[in-house]
Amino acid sequence: MIVTVVSMPEASATRTDAAHARARLATDPFVLVDVELPTDADADTDADADTDAEADGEGAGAEPSVGDQLGLDIDGLDWFGRADERPRAEFLGNKAGFVMPVVHGDEIAHVHVVVTDTFLVTVHRGPAHLTTASVKGLLHERPADPVAVLFLLLGESLGTFRRAAVQDLVETEELEDDMFEDRRPDQVYRLAQLRRRAALLHHFLRPFLEVTDEVLTRRMMSENFPRERQRLAREYQTSARLVLADIESLQEATRRAFASYSSLIAGEQNGVINRLAIVSVVFLPLSFITGFFGMNFTFLTDKLESRDEFWLLAVGLQVLVLCVSLYMLHRTRIWRRLREDEW
């Protein structure tokens, strides 16, 4: 477990241990603490080591939770620091807890947050660029209290979703433009990935926005909620709606790109079908004549005996049908459209 304490208002970060962070949380009037837990793979390795130690008689009891190690009074927030938690937003008296989704590269992680009037504690598994960016933002924003820092974190969380959605939206539009110039199979595979990405962004962000909007709306209805915090809450709600609209625009763009790809394929298939129809028109009379003269009935054997009659029906009928077919193609401009499609 890696613990970082940020002293406010100077925003100086110090790497320390849980005991020192616990003492700072108990005494400082305004302090921020960031806890980095090992990832699932590292946790499995540590668990195997603990199991081996217990087998040798060296193990101890179960490891205390993050809240217990930091000495936090988080009754009602038992999920704090626990892995695989769904997005949350809970307000309990003088403290509030959140599980914020954060876009980190191609993955979406969760950051646990507990905030009171004197401190703000974040817990995440593996490195989190959200907390690093927020510490840099503290130097410019100079928030007055931990609640203001909370809204700064919430805004930075939305910023990760906005940047991901805009980047994917631009890539989708570029892919759609490239399809009209040179359609390739790898384009539809990439579109499928972007469509899945848009669904994941929407899946993780929408539930979190719903619970936070419910909590913030209920708090703003209270007369004891300060005006400055009401302003921060309204700004966050506005930004949240805009980010959600960006993600929905990405979903619509991926659907439109798939529709464009399908239209291009349908157009090519129509051209192939038209060419097959023309070839069928050319050879259909010949097939008919071959079948007709291949039949053995009285009229054919008794009346059509001369060579002239055979060539008149066989060749003459074929030429007549071809002339009529070419005339119809020219009149309906189908041949011209086929040549334009080739160009």
Protein backbone atom coordinates (compact mmCIF):
# COMPACT_ATOMS: atom_id res chain seq x y z
CA MET A 1 0.00 0.00 0.00
CA ILE A 2 1.42 3.37 -1.09
CA VAL A 3 0.20 6.37 0.91
CA THR A 4 0.58 10.00 -0.17
CA VAL A 5 -0.38 12.92 2.05
CA VAL A 6 -1.11 16.31 0.48
CA SER A 7 -0.85 19.25 2.88
CA MET A 8 -3.25 22.10 2.22
CA PRO A 9 -3.40 24.89 1.29
CA GLU A 10 0.20 24.73 -0.01
CA ALA A 11 -0.60 21.49 -1.92
CA SER A 12 2.69 19.79 -1.08
CA ALA A 13 2.63 16.02 -1.54
CA THR A 14 4.63 13.65 0.71
CA ARG A 15 5.02 9.87 0.36
CA THR A 16 4.55 8.29 3.79
CA ASP A 17 3.04 5.27 5.58
CA ALA A 18 -0.40 4.50 6.99
CA ALA A 19 0.56 5.35 10.59
CA HIS A 20 1.77 8.85 9.71
CA ALA A 21 -1.26 9.46 7.50
CA ARG A 22 -3.51 8.35 10.37
CA ALA A 23 -1.90 10.90 12.69
CA ARG A 24 -2.29 13.68 10.09
CA LEU A 25 -5.95 12.83 9.55
CA ALA A 26 -6.58 13.08 13.28
CA THR A 27 -4.86 16.45 13.79
CA ASP A 28 -4.76 18.51 10.57
CA PRO A 29 -7.75 20.78 9.83
CA PHE A 30 -7.42 20.31 6.05
CA VAL A 31 -5.53 17.36 4.59
CA LEU A 32 -5.78 15.06 1.57
CA VAL A 33 -4.67 11.43 1.56
CA ASP A 34 -4.25 9.20 -1.48
CA VAL A 35 -3.87 5.43 -1.08
CA GLU A 36 -2.68 3.21 -3.93
CA LEU A 37 -3.50 -0.46 -3.43
CA PRO A 38 -1.92 -3.28 -5.44
CA THR A 39 -3.70 -4.46 -8.57
CA ASP A 40 -5.56 -7.75 -8.70
CA ALA A 41 -2.52 -9.59 -10.03
CA ASP A 42 -0.30 -8.20 -7.28
CA ALA A 43 -2.98 -8.93 -4.70
CA ASP A 44 -3.14 -12.57 -5.81
CA THR A 45 0.64 -12.85 -5.45
CA ASP A 46 0.52 -11.36 -1.96
CA ALA A 47 -2.35 -13.67 -1.01
CA ASP A 48 -0.31 -16.70 -2.10
CA ALA A 49 2.62 -15.47 -0.03
CA ASP A 50 0.38 -14.97 3.02
CA THR A 51 -1.04 -18.46 2.59
CA ASP A 52 2.44 -19.93 2.52
CA ALA A 53 3.39 -17.93 5.60
CA GLU A 54 0.33 -19.10 7.51
CA ALA A 55 1.14 -22.69 6.55
CA ASP A 56 4.60 -22.23 8.10
CA GLY A 57 3.09 -20.81 11.25
CA GLU A 58 4.20 -17.27 10.58
CA GLY A 59 0.90 -15.79 9.40
CA ALA A 60 -1.34 -13.51 11.37
CA GLY A 61 -5.03 -12.71 11.17
CA ALA A 62 -6.84 -11.05 8.28
CA GLU A 63 -5.43 -7.73 7.10
CA PRO A 64 -7.43 -4.74 8.36
CA SER A 65 -9.34 -2.59 5.91
CA VAL A 66 -8.04 0.67 4.52
CA GLY A 67 -10.42 2.64 6.74
CA ASP A 68 -9.18 0.84 9.85
CA GLN A 69 -5.53 1.38 8.95
CA LEU A 70 -6.15 5.11 8.51
CA GLY A 71 -8.37 5.38 11.58
CA LEU A 72 -11.38 6.62 9.63
CA ASP A 73 -14.85 6.70 11.15
CA ILE A 74 -16.75 5.43 8.11
CA ASP A 75 -19.73 3.65 9.59
CA GLY A 76 -22.16 2.95 6.76
CA LEU A 77 -19.39 3.04 4.15
CA ASP A 78 -18.15 -0.51 4.59
CA TRP A 79 -17.52 -0.78 0.84
CA PHE A 80 -14.72 1.80 1.02
CA GLY A 81 -11.54 0.35 -0.50
CA ARG A 82 -13.19 -2.93 -1.48
CA ALA A 83 -12.50 -4.30 -4.96
CA ASP A 84 -15.11 -4.61 -7.72
CA GLU A 85 -17.51 -2.05 -6.28
CA ARG A 86 -20.19 -0.51 -8.45
CA PRO A 87 -20.44 3.32 -8.82
CA ARG A 88 -21.78 4.88 -5.65
CA ALA A 89 -22.67 8.25 -4.16
CA GLU A 90 -23.77 8.27 -0.53
CA PHE A 91 -24.23 11.11 1.96
CA LEU A 92 -24.24 10.23 5.67
CA GLY A 93 -24.41 13.17 8.04
CA ASN A 94 -21.04 14.93 8.06
CA LYS A 95 -19.39 12.63 5.52
CA ALA A 96 -19.96 11.42 1.99
CA GLY A 97 -18.60 8.51 -0.01
CA PHE A 98 -18.21 8.03 -3.75
CA VAL A 99 -17.00 5.36 -6.15
CA MET A 100 -16.01 7.34 -9.24
CA PRO A 101 -15.35 5.75 -12.65
CA VAL A 102 -12.20 7.02 -14.36
CA VAL A 103 -11.00 6.35 -17.90
CA HIS A 104 -7.39 5.19 -17.82
CA GLY A 105 -6.14 4.38 -21.32
CA ASP A 106 -8.22 1.53 -22.71
CA GLU A 107 -9.57 0.59 -19.29
CA ILE A 108 -12.07 2.11 -16.87
CA ALA A 109 -11.00 2.06 -13.22
CA HIS A 110 -12.78 3.14 -10.04
CA VAL A 111 -11.56 5.58 -7.41
CA HIS A 112 -13.08 5.42 -3.91
CA VAL A 113 -13.50 8.75 -2.15
CA VAL A 114 -14.49 9.67 1.41
CA VAL A 115 -14.84 13.35 2.26
CA THR A 116 -15.65 15.27 5.45
CA ASP A 117 -15.21 18.90 6.50
CA THR A 118 -11.55 18.26 7.42
CA PHE A 119 -10.15 15.62 5.08
CA LEU A 120 -10.55 13.83 1.77
CA VAL A 121 -9.24 10.29 1.23
CA THR A 122 -8.99 8.54 -2.14
CA VAL A 123 -8.29 4.83 -2.66
CA HIS A 124 -7.54 3.16 -5.99
CA ARG A 125 -5.87 0.02 -7.28
CA GLY A 126 -2.79 0.63 -9.36
CA PRO A 127 -1.60 4.07 -10.53
CA ALA A 128 -4.34 6.65 -11.02
CA HIS A 129 -3.59 9.64 -13.22
CA LEU A 130 -6.76 11.23 -11.87
CA THR A 131 -5.22 11.94 -8.48
CA THR A 132 -1.95 13.09 -10.05
CA ALA A 133 -3.77 15.58 -12.29
CA SER A 134 -5.89 16.74 -9.36
CA VAL A 135 -2.83 17.47 -7.22
CA LYS A 136 -1.47 19.62 -10.04
CA GLY A 137 -4.83 21.36 -10.28
CA LEU A 138 -4.73 22.19 -6.57
CA LEU A 139 -1.82 24.55 -7.21
CA HIS A 140 -4.01 26.66 -9.51
CA GLU A 141 -7.49 26.23 -8.03
CA ARG A 142 -6.56 26.65 -4.35
CA PRO A 143 -9.76 25.04 -3.01
CA ALA A 144 -11.00 26.32 0.32
CA ASP A 145 -12.04 22.99 1.86
CA PRO A 146 -12.15 19.23 1.14
CA VAL A 147 -15.62 19.54 -0.44
CA ALA A 148 -14.21 21.90 -3.06
CA VAL A 149 -11.46 19.32 -3.70
CA LEU A 150 -14.18 16.69 -4.12
CA PHE A 151 -15.85 18.69 -6.90
CA LEU A 152 -12.42 19.15 -8.48
CA LEU A 153 -12.02 15.35 -8.50
CA LEU A 154 -15.52 14.87 -9.88
CA GLY A 155 -14.77 17.34 -12.67
CA GLU A 156 -11.51 15.61 -13.50
CA SER A 157 -13.34 12.26 -13.63
CA LEU A 158 -15.77 13.74 -16.16
CA GLY A 159 -12.81 15.15 -18.07
CA THR A 160 -11.36 11.67 -18.60
CA PHE A 161 -14.67 10.53 -20.15
CA ARG A 162 -14.94 13.67 -22.27
CA ARG A 163 -11.44 13.31 -23.69
CA ALA A 164 -11.98 9.62 -24.45
CA ALA A 165 -15.33 10.29 -26.15
CA VAL A 166 -14.02 13.16 -28.27
CA GLN A 167 -10.93 11.22 -29.33
CA ASP A 168 -13.00 8.21 -30.36
CA LEU A 169 -15.53 10.45 -32.11
CA VAL A 170 -12.81 12.03 -34.25
CA GLU A 171 -11.42 8.58 -35.11
CA THR A 172 -14.89 7.35 -36.07
CA GLU A 173 -15.43 10.28 -38.43
CA GLU A 174 -12.02 9.74 -40.02
CA LEU A 175 -12.81 6.05 -40.55
CA GLU A 176 -16.12 6.96 -42.16
CA ASP A 177 -14.37 9.33 -44.57
CA ASP A 178 -11.74 6.72 -45.44
CA MET A 179 -14.41 4.13 -46.22
CA PHE A 180 -15.73 6.17 -49.12
CA GLU A 181 -12.23 6.38 -50.63
CA ASP A 182 -10.93 2.87 -49.93
CA ARG A 183 -13.11 0.35 -48.12
CA ARG A 184 -11.15 -2.32 -46.21
CA PRO A 185 -12.21 -5.15 -43.88
CA ASP A 186 -10.09 -3.81 -41.00
CA GLN A 187 -12.22 -0.67 -40.92
CA VAL A 188 -15.36 -2.51 -39.88
CA TYR A 189 -13.38 -4.31 -37.15
CA ARG A 190 -12.12 -1.00 -35.78
CA LEU A 191 -15.65 0.42 -35.94
CA ALA A 192 -16.85 -2.55 -33.88
CA GLN A 193 -14.18 -1.76 -31.28
CA LEU A 194 -15.20 1.91 -31.16
CA ARG A 195 -18.85 0.95 -30.83
CA ARG A 196 -18.00 -1.33 -27.93
CA ARG A 197 -15.90 1.43 -26.39
CA ALA A 198 -18.82 3.89 -26.59
CA ALA A 199 -21.09 1.34 -24.93
CA LEU A 200 -18.60 0.86 -22.08
CA LEU A 201 -18.24 4.60 -21.52
CA HIS A 202 -22.00 4.97 -21.35
CA HIS A 203 -22.38 1.86 -19.18
CA PHE A 204 -19.94 3.08 -16.52
CA LEU A 205 -20.78 6.79 -16.51
CA ARG A 206 -24.59 6.78 -16.68
CA PRO A 207 -25.23 4.95 -13.35
CA PHE A 208 -22.71 7.16 -11.55
CA LEU A 209 -24.31 10.34 -12.86
CA GLU A 210 -27.73 9.14 -11.78
CA VAL A 211 -26.69 8.47 -8.17
CA THR A 212 -24.62 11.66 -7.86
CA ASP A 213 -27.43 13.75 -9.34
CA GLU A 214 -29.85 12.28 -6.82
CA VAL A 215 -27.53 13.00 -3.87
CA LEU A 216 -26.62 16.52 -5.02
CA THR A 217 -30.23 17.46 -5.75
CA ARG A 218 -31.28 16.30 -2.29
CA ARG A 219 -28.44 18.28 -0.68
CA MET A 220 -29.23 21.45 -2.64
CA MET A 221 -32.76 21.34 -1.31
CA SER A 222 -31.40 21.70 2.21
CA GLU A 223 -31.24 25.21 3.65
CA ASN A 224 -27.93 24.39 5.36
CA PHE A 225 -26.15 23.72 2.08
CA PRO A 226 -23.82 26.73 1.42
CA ARG A 227 -24.31 28.80 -1.72
CA GLU A 228 -20.77 28.19 -2.93
CA ARG A 229 -21.29 24.44 -2.79
CA GLN A 230 -24.62 24.83 -4.59
CA ARG A 231 -22.79 26.64 -7.38
CA LEU A 232 -20.19 23.85 -7.61
CA ALA A 233 -22.94 21.23 -7.65
CA ARG A 234 -24.84 22.98 -10.46
CA GLU A 235 -21.66 23.36 -12.52
CA TYR A 236 -20.91 19.67 -12.06
CA GLN A 237 -24.43 18.66 -13.11
CA THR A 238 -24.19 20.82 -16.22
CA SER A 239 -20.80 19.37 -17.14
CA ALA A 240 -22.11 15.85 -16.53
CA ARG A 241 -24.98 16.33 -18.97
CA LEU A 242 -22.57 17.67 -21.61
CA VAL A 243 -20.21 14.73 -21.21
CA LEU A 244 -23.09 12.28 -21.44
CA ALA A 245 -24.22 14.04 -24.62
CA ASP A 246 -20.69 13.62 -26.05
CA ILE A 247 -20.79 9.88 -25.36
CA GLU A 248 -24.24 9.59 -26.94
CA SER A 249 -22.90 11.48 -29.97
CA LEU A 250 -20.12 8.90 -30.18
CA GLN A 251 -22.68 6.09 -30.09
CA GLU A 252 -24.68 7.76 -32.86
CA ALA A 253 -21.53 8.32 -34.94
CA THR A 254 -20.56 4.65 -34.72
CA ARG A 255 -24.07 3.60 -35.75
CA ARG A 256 -23.96 6.04 -38.67
CA ALA A 257 -20.54 4.73 -39.75
CA PHE A 258 -21.84 1.15 -39.69
CA ALA A 259 -24.83 2.25 -41.77
CA SER A 260 -22.48 3.90 -44.28
CA TYR A 261 -20.39 0.75 -44.48
CA SER A 262 -23.52 -1.34 -45.07
CA SER A 263 -24.68 1.09 -47.78
CA LEU A 264 -21.36 0.81 -49.60
CA ILE A 265 -21.56 -2.98 -49.53
CA ALA A 266 -25.19 -2.89 -50.70
CA GLY A 267 -24.23 -0.59 -53.59
CA GLU A 268 -21.46 -2.95 -54.70
CA GLN A 269 -23.79 -5.93 -54.46
CA ASN A 270 -26.39 -4.12 -56.56
CA GLY A 271 -23.78 -3.49 -59.24
CA VAL A 272 -22.82 -7.17 -59.29
CA ILE A 273 -26.47 -8.20 -59.52
CA ASN A 274 -27.07 -5.78 -62.41
CA ARG A 275 -24.13 -7.19 -64.34
CA LEU A 276 -25.35 -10.75 -63.75
CA ALA A 277 -28.79 -9.71 -65.00
CA ILE A 278 -27.27 -8.33 -68.23
CA VAL A 279 -25.31 -11.54 -68.80
CA SER A 280 -28.47 -13.53 -68.16
CA VAL A 281 -30.35 -11.48 -70.76
CA VAL A 282 -27.65 -12.22 -73.34
CA PHE A 283 -27.58 -15.97 -72.77
CA LEU A 284 -31.25 -16.56 -71.96
CA PRO A 285 -32.38 -16.69 -75.64
CA LEU A 286 -29.55 -19.07 -76.48
CA SER A 287 -30.60 -21.33 -73.61
CA PHE A 288 -34.19 -21.19 -74.80
CA ILE A 289 -33.28 -22.05 -78.40
CA THR A 290 -31.04 -24.91 -77.28
CA GLY A 291 -33.83 -26.36 -75.19
CA PHE A 292 -36.41 -25.76 -77.91
CA PHE A 293 -34.52 -27.52 -80.70
CA GLY A 294 -33.47 -30.26 -78.33
CA MET A 295 -37.06 -31.39 -77.91
CA ASN A 296 -38.30 -34.20 -80.14
CA PHE A 297 -41.94 -33.58 -81.15
CA THR A 298 -43.90 -33.91 -84.43
CA PHE A 299 -43.94 -30.29 -85.62
CA LEU A 300 -40.21 -29.85 -85.10
CA THR A 301 -39.28 -33.08 -86.90
CA ASP A 302 -41.83 -32.83 -89.76
CA LYS A 303 -42.02 -29.09 -90.58
CA LEU A 304 -38.62 -27.57 -89.65
CA GLU A 305 -36.44 -29.68 -91.86
CA SER A 306 -34.42 -27.14 -93.91
CA ARG A 307 -31.17 -25.50 -92.83
CA ASP A 308 -32.52 -22.02 -93.62
CA GLU A 309 -35.39 -22.42 -91.21
CA PHE A 310 -33.01 -23.54 -88.48
CA TRP A 311 -30.66 -20.54 -88.88
CA LEU A 312 -33.59 -18.16 -89.15
CA LEU A 313 -35.03 -19.25 -85.84
CA ALA A 314 -31.77 -19.94 -84.01
CA VAL A 315 -29.70 -16.92 -85.07
CA GLY A 316 -32.50 -14.53 -85.95
CA LEU A 317 -34.27 -14.92 -82.63
CA GLN A 318 -31.00 -14.51 -80.75
CA VAL A 319 -30.11 -11.30 -82.63
CA LEU A 320 -33.61 -9.92 -82.16
CA VAL A 321 -33.56 -10.45 -78.41
CA LEU A 322 -30.08 -8.91 -78.11
CA CYS A 323 -31.13 -5.82 -80.06
CA VAL A 324 -34.25 -5.35 -77.98
CA SER A 325 -32.24 -5.84 -74.75
CA LEU A 326 -29.56 -3.31 -75.73
CA TYR A 327 -32.23 -0.82 -76.74
CA MET A 328 -33.96 -1.18 -73.38
CA LEU A 329 -30.66 -0.80 -71.51
CA HIS A 330 -29.91 2.36 -73.45
CA ARG A 331 -33.37 3.79 -72.93
CA THR A 332 -33.37 3.15 -69.19
CA ARG A 333 -29.74 4.40 -68.84
CA ILE A 334 -28.80 1.32 -66.83
CA TRP A 335 -25.67 0.76 -68.93
CA ARG A 336 -24.54 4.36 -68.37
CA ARG A 337 -25.00 4.06 -64.61
CA LEU A 338 -22.97 0.85 -64.58
CA ARG A 339 -20.11 2.57 -66.41
CA GLU A 340 -20.28 5.54 -64.01
CA ASP A 341 -20.07 3.13 -61.05
CA GLU A 342 -16.94 1.58 -62.50
CA TRP A 343 -15.33 4.97 -62.81
